[in-house]
Amino acid sequence: MPGLPYWPVNYGSGAFGISQRDFLVGSGLSTIPGQVSLVAVGAFVAGPSVLAGTVVVAAWAVVITMTILAYRRLKRASRG
């Protein structure tokens, strides 16, 4: 889940029997936008530009959207 620290997700995935393939795909999808945003923030601080600012905003929009979607899916699944 984007927006959560890695260790509870890693521990929970193992504890709940998530397959390695699902874990790797999910980890890739959830970490890439966050890592892109961190690199973009560094680039923006080093040399502010419209492009770097746009990448920061877009990456954070993706992270926030993915977090909301994951939360809704978790909420829906917990209702059963």
PDB file of N, CA and C in Angstrom:
ATOM      1  N   MET A   1       0.840  -1.180   0.000  1.00  0.00           N
ATOM      2  CA  MET A   1       0.000   0.000   0.000  1.00  0.00           C
ATOM      3  C   MET A   1       0.882   1.240   0.000  1.00  0.00           C
ATOM      4  N   PRO A   2       0.650   2.132  -0.933  1.00  0.00           N
ATOM      5  CA  PRO A   2       1.410   3.370  -0.907  1.00  0.00           C
ATOM      6  C   PRO A   2       1.074   4.179   0.333  1.00  0.00           C
ATOM      7  N   GLY A   3       2.018   4.942   0.813  1.00  0.00           N
ATOM      8  CA  GLY A   3       1.773   5.786   1.965  1.00  0.00           C
ATOM      9  C   GLY A   3       2.036   5.120   3.300  1.00  0.00           C
ATOM     10  N   LEU A   4       2.317   3.835   3.311  1.00  0.00           N
ATOM     11  CA  LEU A   4       2.616   3.137   4.558  1.00  0.00           C
ATOM     12  C   LEU A   4       4.108   2.810   4.615  1.00  0.00           C
ATOM     13  N   PRO A   5       4.660   2.752   5.823  1.00  0.00           N
ATOM     14  CA  PRO A   5       6.059   2.323   5.941  1.00  0.00           C
ATOM     15  C   PRO A   5       6.227   0.901   5.416  1.00  0.00           C
ATOM     16  N   TYR A   6       7.425   0.601   4.963  1.00  0.00           N
ATOM     17  CA  TYR A   6       7.659  -0.710   4.341  1.00  0.00           C
ATOM     18  C   TYR A   6       7.561  -1.875   5.319  1.00  0.00           C
ATOM     19  N   TRP A   7       8.077  -1.719   6.532  1.00  0.00           N
ATOM     20  CA  TRP A   7       8.177  -2.878   7.409  1.00  0.00           C
ATOM     21  C   TRP A   7       6.838  -3.507   7.764  1.00  0.00           C
ATOM     22  N   PRO A   8       5.743  -2.750   8.059  1.00  0.00           N
ATOM     23  CA  PRO A   8       4.496  -3.455   8.363  1.00  0.00           C
ATOM     24  C   PRO A   8       3.919  -4.168   7.136  1.00  0.00           C
ATOM     25  N   VAL A   9       4.131  -3.572   5.963  1.00  0.00           N
ATOM     26  CA  VAL A   9       3.641  -4.206   4.739  1.00  0.00           C
ATOM     27  C   VAL A   9       4.411  -5.498   4.483  1.00  0.00           C
ATOM     28  N   ASN A  10       5.730  -5.455   4.631  1.00  0.00           N
ATOM     29  CA  ASN A  10       6.552  -6.653   4.429  1.00  0.00           C
ATOM     30  C   ASN A  10       6.175  -7.745   5.420  1.00  0.00           C
ATOM     31  N   TYR A  11       6.075  -7.391   6.684  1.00  0.00           N
ATOM     32  CA  TYR A  11       5.734  -8.357   7.720  1.00  0.00           C
ATOM     33  C   TYR A  11       4.333  -8.922   7.495  1.00  0.00           C
ATOM     34  N   GLY A  12       3.376  -8.034   7.230  1.00  0.00           N
ATOM     35  CA  GLY A  12       1.997  -8.474   7.012  1.00  0.00           C
ATOM     36  C   GLY A  12       1.855  -9.370   5.797  1.00  0.00           C
ATOM     37  N   SER A  13       2.600  -9.071   4.745  1.00  0.00           N
ATOM     38  CA  SER A  13       2.533  -9.891   3.539  1.00  0.00           C
ATOM     39  C   SER A  13       2.986 -11.315   3.828  1.00  0.00           C
ATOM     40  N   GLY A  14       4.062 -11.434   4.594  1.00  0.00           N
ATOM     41  CA  GLY A  14       4.539 -12.773   4.954  1.00  0.00           C
ATOM     42  C   GLY A  14       3.583 -13.473   5.908  1.00  0.00           C
ATOM     43  N   ALA A  15       3.057 -12.728   6.866  1.00  0.00           N
ATOM     44  CA  ALA A  15       2.170 -13.316   7.868  1.00  0.00           C
ATOM     45  C   ALA A  15       0.846 -13.784   7.265  1.00  0.00           C
ATOM     46  N   PHE A  16       0.377 -13.076   6.235  1.00  0.00           N
ATOM     47  CA  PHE A  16      -0.912 -13.424   5.637  1.00  0.00           C
ATOM     48  C   PHE A  16      -0.791 -14.271   4.379  1.00  0.00           C
ATOM     49  N   GLY A  17       0.423 -14.722   4.058  1.00  0.00           N
ATOM     50  CA  GLY A  17       0.605 -15.671   2.965  1.00  0.00           C
ATOM     51  C   GLY A  17       0.463 -15.086   1.570  1.00  0.00           C
ATOM     52  N   ILE A  18       0.841 -13.833   1.377  1.00  0.00           N
ATOM     53  CA  ILE A  18       0.809 -13.228   0.040  1.00  0.00           C
ATOM     54  C   ILE A  18       1.875 -13.895  -0.814  1.00  0.00           C
ATOM     55  N   SER A  19       1.544 -14.246  -2.037  1.00  0.00           N
ATOM     56  CA  SER A  19       2.533 -14.906  -2.902  1.00  0.00           C
ATOM     57  C   SER A  19       3.666 -13.950  -3.236  1.00  0.00           C
ATOM     58  N   GLN A  20       4.823 -14.524  -3.540  1.00  0.00           N
ATOM     59  CA  GLN A  20       5.991 -13.705  -3.849  1.00  0.00           C
ATOM     60  C   GLN A  20       5.744 -12.850  -5.089  1.00  0.00           C
ATOM     61  N   ARG A  21       5.080 -13.417  -6.088  1.00  0.00           N
ATOM     62  CA  ARG A  21       4.798 -12.667  -7.315  1.00  0.00           C
ATOM     63  C   ARG A  21       3.900 -11.468  -7.017  1.00  0.00           C
ATOM     64  N   ASP A  22       2.813 -11.684  -6.255  1.00  0.00           N
ATOM     65  CA  ASP A  22       1.913 -10.580  -5.915  1.00  0.00           C
ATOM     66  C   ASP A  22       2.621  -9.516  -5.084  1.00  0.00           C
ATOM     67  N   PHE A  23       3.482  -9.969  -4.166  1.00  0.00           N
ATOM     68  CA  PHE A  23       4.230  -9.022  -3.342  1.00  0.00           C
ATOM     69  C   PHE A  23       5.166  -8.173  -4.195  1.00  0.00           C
ATOM     70  N   LEU A  24       5.885  -8.807  -5.133  1.00  0.00           N
ATOM     71  CA  LEU A  24       6.818  -8.062  -5.978  1.00  0.00           C
ATOM     72  C   LEU A  24       6.095  -7.082  -6.896  1.00  0.00           C
ATOM     73  N   VAL A  25       4.994  -7.515  -7.490  1.00  0.00           N
ATOM     74  CA  VAL A  25       4.231  -6.621  -8.367  1.00  0.00           C
ATOM     75  C   VAL A  25       3.664  -5.458  -7.560  1.00  0.00           C
ATOM     76  N   GLY A  26       3.069  -5.747  -6.428  1.00  0.00           N
ATOM     77  CA  GLY A  26       2.507  -4.700  -5.581  1.00  0.00           C
ATOM     78  C   GLY A  26       3.565  -3.741  -5.063  1.00  0.00           C
ATOM     79  N   SER A  27       4.704  -4.278  -4.671  1.00  0.00           N
ATOM     80  CA  SER A  27       5.791  -3.425  -4.184  1.00  0.00           C
ATOM     81  C   SER A  27       6.290  -2.508  -5.284  1.00  0.00           C
ATOM     82  N   GLY A  28       6.437  -3.050  -6.486  1.00  0.00           N
ATOM     83  CA  GLY A  28       6.892  -2.231  -7.607  1.00  0.00           C
ATOM     84  C   GLY A  28       5.916  -1.119  -7.925  1.00  0.00           C
ATOM     85  N   LEU A  29       4.640  -1.463  -7.981  1.00  0.00           N
ATOM     86  CA  LEU A  29       3.628  -0.452  -8.294  1.00  0.00           C
ATOM     87  C   LEU A  29       3.514   0.621  -7.227  1.00  0.00           C
ATOM     88  N   SER A  30       3.719   0.235  -5.986  1.00  0.00           N
ATOM     89  CA  SER A  30       3.530   1.218  -4.921  1.00  0.00           C
ATOM     90  C   SER A  30       4.787   2.027  -4.606  1.00  0.00           C
ATOM     91  N   THR A  31       5.968   1.504  -4.900  1.00  0.00           N
ATOM     92  CA  THR A  31       7.180   2.252  -4.558  1.00  0.00           C
ATOM     93  C   THR A  31       7.668   3.166  -5.668  1.00  0.00           C
ATOM     94  N   ILE A  32       7.393   2.833  -6.907  1.00  0.00           N
ATOM     95  CA  ILE A  32       7.913   3.639  -8.020  1.00  0.00           C
ATOM     96  C   ILE A  32       7.433   5.094  -7.964  1.00  0.00           C
ATOM     97  N   PRO A  33       6.138   5.377  -7.798  1.00  0.00           N
ATOM     98  CA  PRO A  33       5.721   6.793  -7.736  1.00  0.00           C
ATOM     99  C   PRO A  33       6.368   7.560  -6.579  1.00  0.00           C
ATOM    100  N   GLY A  34       6.502   6.927  -5.432  1.00  0.00           N
ATOM    101  CA  GLY A  34       7.127   7.588  -4.294  1.00  0.00           C
ATOM    102  C   GLY A  34       8.598   7.889  -4.544  1.00  0.00           C
ATOM    103  N   GLN A  35       9.301   6.929  -5.141  1.00  0.00           N
ATOM    104  CA  GLN A  35      10.719   7.142  -5.438  1.00  0.00           C
ATOM    105  C   GLN A  35      10.902   8.221  -6.503  1.00  0.00           C
ATOM    106  N   VAL A  36      10.036   8.214  -7.508  1.00  0.00           N
ATOM    107  CA  VAL A  36      10.098   9.260  -8.545  1.00  0.00           C
ATOM    108  C   VAL A  36       9.882  10.625  -7.911  1.00  0.00           C
ATOM    109  N   SER A  37       8.933  10.716  -6.979  1.00  0.00           N
ATOM    110  CA  SER A  37       8.668  12.008  -6.351  1.00  0.00           C
ATOM    111  C   SER A  37       9.851  12.474  -5.516  1.00  0.00           C
ATOM    112  N   LEU A  38      10.524  11.548  -4.840  1.00  0.00           N
ATOM    113  CA  LEU A  38      11.690  11.945  -4.044  1.00  0.00           C
ATOM    114  C   LEU A  38      12.823  12.454  -4.925  1.00  0.00           C
ATOM    115  N   VAL A  39      13.048  11.789  -6.044  1.00  0.00           N
ATOM    116  CA  VAL A  39      14.073  12.245  -6.986  1.00  0.00           C
ATOM    117  C   VAL A  39      13.685  13.607  -7.564  1.00  0.00           C
ATOM    118  N   ALA A  40      12.411  13.771  -7.885  1.00  0.00           N
ATOM    119  CA  ALA A  40      11.943  15.043  -8.448  1.00  0.00           C
ATOM    120  C   ALA A  40      12.062  16.179  -7.437  1.00  0.00           C
ATOM    121  N   VAL A  41      11.785  15.893  -6.163  1.00  0.00           N
ATOM    122  CA  VAL A  41      11.944  16.918  -5.135  1.00  0.00           C
ATOM    123  C   VAL A  41      13.411  17.334  -5.051  1.00  0.00           C
ATOM    124  N   GLY A  42      14.320  16.360  -5.078  1.00  0.00           N
ATOM    125  CA  GLY A  42      15.745  16.676  -5.062  1.00  0.00           C
ATOM    126  C   GLY A  42      16.154  17.507  -6.262  1.00  0.00           C
ATOM    127  N   ALA A  43      15.639  17.152  -7.438  1.00  0.00           N
ATOM    128  CA  ALA A  43      15.951  17.920  -8.650  1.00  0.00           C
ATOM    129  C   ALA A  43      15.382  19.329  -8.558  1.00  0.00           C
ATOM    130  N   PHE A  44      14.199  19.446  -7.984  1.00  0.00           N
ATOM    131  CA  PHE A  44      13.566  20.763  -7.851  1.00  0.00           C
ATOM    132  C   PHE A  44      14.347  21.653  -6.885  1.00  0.00           C
ATOM    133  N   VAL A  45      14.820  21.064  -5.791  1.00  0.00           N
ATOM    134  CA  VAL A  45      15.601  21.829  -4.821  1.00  0.00           C
ATOM    135  C   VAL A  45      16.938  22.257  -5.438  1.00  0.00           C
ATOM    136  N   ALA A  46      17.572  21.336  -6.178  1.00  0.00           N
ATOM    137  CA  ALA A  46      18.869  21.636  -6.789  1.00  0.00           C
ATOM    138  C   ALA A  46      18.753  22.686  -7.891  1.00  0.00           C
ATOM    139  N   GLY A  47      17.696  22.636  -8.662  1.00  0.00           N
ATOM    140  CA  GLY A  47      17.506  23.589  -9.755  1.00  0.00           C
ATOM    141  C   GLY A  47      16.032  23.721 -10.075  1.00  0.00           C
ATOM    142  N   PRO A  48      15.350  24.624  -9.363  1.00  0.00           N
ATOM    143  CA  PRO A  48      13.904  24.763  -9.573  1.00  0.00           C
ATOM    144  C   PRO A  48      13.547  25.022 -11.045  1.00  0.00           C
ATOM    145  N   SER A  49      12.607  24.235 -11.537  1.00  0.00           N
ATOM    146  CA  SER A  49      12.117  24.418 -12.901  1.00  0.00           C
ATOM    147  C   SER A  49      10.663  23.980 -12.958  1.00  0.00           C
ATOM    148  N   VAL A  50      10.000  24.390 -13.994  1.00  0.00           N
ATOM    149  CA  VAL A  50       8.598  24.013 -14.176  1.00  0.00           C
ATOM    150  C   VAL A  50       8.484  22.503 -14.365  1.00  0.00           C
ATOM    151  N   LEU A  51       9.406  21.909 -15.133  1.00  0.00           N
ATOM    152  CA  LEU A  51       9.362  20.465 -15.372  1.00  0.00           C
ATOM    153  C   LEU A  51       9.509  19.690 -14.070  1.00  0.00           C
ATOM    154  N   ALA A  52      10.505  20.046 -13.261  1.00  0.00           N
ATOM    155  CA  ALA A  52      10.712  19.339 -11.991  1.00  0.00           C
ATOM    156  C   ALA A  52       9.505  19.509 -11.071  1.00  0.00           C
ATOM    157  N   GLY A  53       8.956  20.721 -11.016  1.00  0.00           N
ATOM    158  CA  GLY A  53       7.766  20.962 -10.198  1.00  0.00           C
ATOM    159  C   GLY A  53       6.568  20.164 -10.674  1.00  0.00           C
ATOM    160  N   THR A  54       6.422  20.057 -11.977  1.00  0.00           N
ATOM    161  CA  THR A  54       5.317  19.277 -12.548  1.00  0.00           C
ATOM    162  C   THR A  54       5.458  17.796 -12.209  1.00  0.00           C
ATOM    163  N   VAL A  55       6.677  17.278 -12.282  1.00  0.00           N
ATOM    164  CA  VAL A  55       6.908  15.862 -11.945  1.00  0.00           C
ATOM    165  C   VAL A  55       6.607  15.611 -10.472  1.00  0.00           C
ATOM    166  N   VAL A  56       7.007  16.538  -9.602  1.00  0.00           N
ATOM    167  CA  VAL A  56       6.711  16.400  -8.171  1.00  0.00           C
ATOM    168  C   VAL A  56       5.202  16.332  -7.945  1.00  0.00           C
ATOM    169  N   VAL A  57       4.471  17.262  -8.514  1.00  0.00           N
ATOM    170  CA  VAL A  57       3.015  17.303  -8.330  1.00  0.00           C
ATOM    171  C   VAL A  57       2.362  16.046  -8.905  1.00  0.00           C
ATOM    172  N   ALA A  58       2.770  15.633 -10.095  1.00  0.00           N
ATOM    173  CA  ALA A  58       2.179  14.442 -10.729  1.00  0.00           C
ATOM    174  C   ALA A  58       2.476  13.186  -9.913  1.00  0.00           C
ATOM    175  N   ALA A  59       3.710  13.043  -9.447  1.00  0.00           N
ATOM    176  CA  ALA A  59       4.069  11.845  -8.672  1.00  0.00           C
ATOM    177  C   ALA A  59       3.285  11.798  -7.362  1.00  0.00           C
ATOM    178  N   TRP A  60       3.163  12.934  -6.683  1.00  0.00           N
ATOM    179  CA  TRP A  60       2.399  12.935  -5.445  1.00  0.00           C
ATOM    180  C   TRP A  60       0.912  12.707  -5.691  1.00  0.00           C
ATOM    181  N   ALA A  61       0.406  13.169  -6.801  1.00  0.00           N
ATOM    182  CA  ALA A  61      -0.994  12.895  -7.154  1.00  0.00           C
ATOM    183  C   ALA A  61      -1.208  11.390  -7.332  1.00  0.00           C
ATOM    184  N   VAL A  62      -0.258  10.732  -7.970  1.00  0.00           N
ATOM    185  CA  VAL A  62      -0.351   9.274  -8.154  1.00  0.00           C
ATOM    186  C   VAL A  62      -0.279   8.572  -6.797  1.00  0.00           C
ATOM    187  N   VAL A  63       0.660   8.979  -5.942  1.00  0.00           N
ATOM    188  CA  VAL A  63       0.800   8.361  -4.621  1.00  0.00           C
ATOM    189  C   VAL A  63      -0.490   8.522  -3.813  1.00  0.00           C
ATOM    190  N   ILE A  64      -1.041   9.713  -3.797  1.00  0.00           N
ATOM    191  CA  ILE A  64      -2.262   9.963  -3.027  1.00  0.00           C
ATOM    192  C   ILE A  64      -3.438   9.177  -3.599  1.00  0.00           C
ATOM    193  N   THR A  65      -3.563   9.159  -4.913  1.00  0.00           N
ATOM    194  CA  THR A  65      -4.644   8.400  -5.564  1.00  0.00           C
ATOM    195  C   THR A  65      -4.529   6.915  -5.256  1.00  0.00           C
ATOM    196  N   MET A  66      -3.325   6.371  -5.361  1.00  0.00           N
ATOM    197  CA  MET A  66      -3.131   4.944  -5.072  1.00  0.00           C
ATOM    198  C   MET A  66      -3.425   4.617  -3.612  1.00  0.00           C
ATOM    199  N   THR A  67      -3.071   5.527  -2.709  1.00  0.00           N
ATOM    200  CA  THR A  67      -3.355   5.310  -1.292  1.00  0.00           C
ATOM    201  C   THR A  67      -4.858   5.285  -1.042  1.00  0.00           C
ATOM    202  N   ILE A  68      -5.578   6.209  -1.642  1.00  0.00           N
ATOM    203  CA  ILE A  68      -7.040   6.247  -1.487  1.00  0.00           C
ATOM    204  C   ILE A  68      -7.680   4.990  -2.065  1.00  0.00           C
ATOM    205  N   LEU A  69      -7.244   4.586  -3.254  1.00  0.00           N
ATOM    206  CA  LEU A  69      -7.808   3.379  -3.873  1.00  0.00           C
ATOM    207  C   LEU A  69      -7.510   2.138  -3.044  1.00  0.00           C
ATOM    208  N   ALA A  70      -6.304   2.028  -2.512  1.00  0.00           N
ATOM    209  CA  ALA A  70      -5.955   0.876  -1.680  1.00  0.00           C
ATOM    210  C   ALA A  70      -6.784   0.855  -0.407  1.00  0.00           C
ATOM    211  N   TYR A  71      -6.989   2.020   0.197  1.00  0.00           N
ATOM    212  CA  TYR A  71      -7.799   2.101   1.411  1.00  0.00           C
ATOM    213  C   TYR A  71      -9.242   1.686   1.133  1.00  0.00           C
ATOM    214  N   ARG A  72      -9.790   2.187   0.044  1.00  0.00           N
ATOM    215  CA  ARG A  72     -11.174   1.819  -0.302  1.00  0.00           C
ATOM    216  C   ARG A  72     -11.305   0.325  -0.559  1.00  0.00           C
ATOM    217  N   ARG A  73     -10.321  -0.248  -1.241  1.00  0.00           N
ATOM    218  CA  ARG A  73     -10.368  -1.677  -1.525  1.00  0.00           C
ATOM    219  C   ARG A  73     -10.253  -2.488  -0.226  1.00  0.00           C
ATOM    220  N   LEU A  74      -9.388  -2.061   0.666  1.00  0.00           N
ATOM    221  CA  LEU A  74      -9.247  -2.729   1.956  1.00  0.00           C
ATOM    222  C   LEU A  74     -10.544  -2.633   2.755  1.00  0.00           C
ATOM    223  N   LYS A  75     -11.135  -1.468   2.760  1.00  0.00           N
ATOM    224  CA  LYS A  75     -12.398  -1.249   3.484  1.00  0.00           C
ATOM    225  C   LYS A  75     -13.504  -2.135   2.922  1.00  0.00           C
ATOM    226  N   ARG A  76     -13.579  -2.200   1.572  1.00  0.00           N
ATOM    227  CA  ARG A  76     -14.593  -3.032   0.911  1.00  0.00           C
ATOM    228  C   ARG A  76     -14.373  -4.506   1.216  1.00  0.00           C
ATOM    229  N   ALA A  77     -13.099  -4.937   1.224  1.00  0.00           N
ATOM    230  CA  ALA A  77     -12.792  -6.342   1.490  1.00  0.00           C
ATOM    231  C   ALA A  77     -13.086  -6.711   2.940  1.00  0.00           C
ATOM    232  N   SER A  78     -12.896  -5.781   3.859  1.00  0.00           N
ATOM    233  CA  SER A  78     -13.141  -6.084   5.260  1.00  0.00           C
ATOM    234  C   SER A  78     -14.626  -6.209   5.581  1.00  0.00           C
ATOM    235  N   ARG A  79     -15.463  -5.573   4.749  1.00  0.00           N
ATOM    236  CA  ARG A  79     -16.910  -5.727   4.932  1.00  0.00           C
ATOM    237  C   ARG A  79     -17.389  -7.102   4.507  1.00  0.00           C
ATOM    238  N   GLY A  80     -16.611  -7.745   3.650  1.00  0.00           N
ATOM    239  CA  GLY A  80     -16.853  -9.118   3.285  1.00  0.00           C
ATOM    240  C   GLY A  80     -17.738  -9.344   2.179  1.00  0.00           C
TER     241      GLY A  80
END
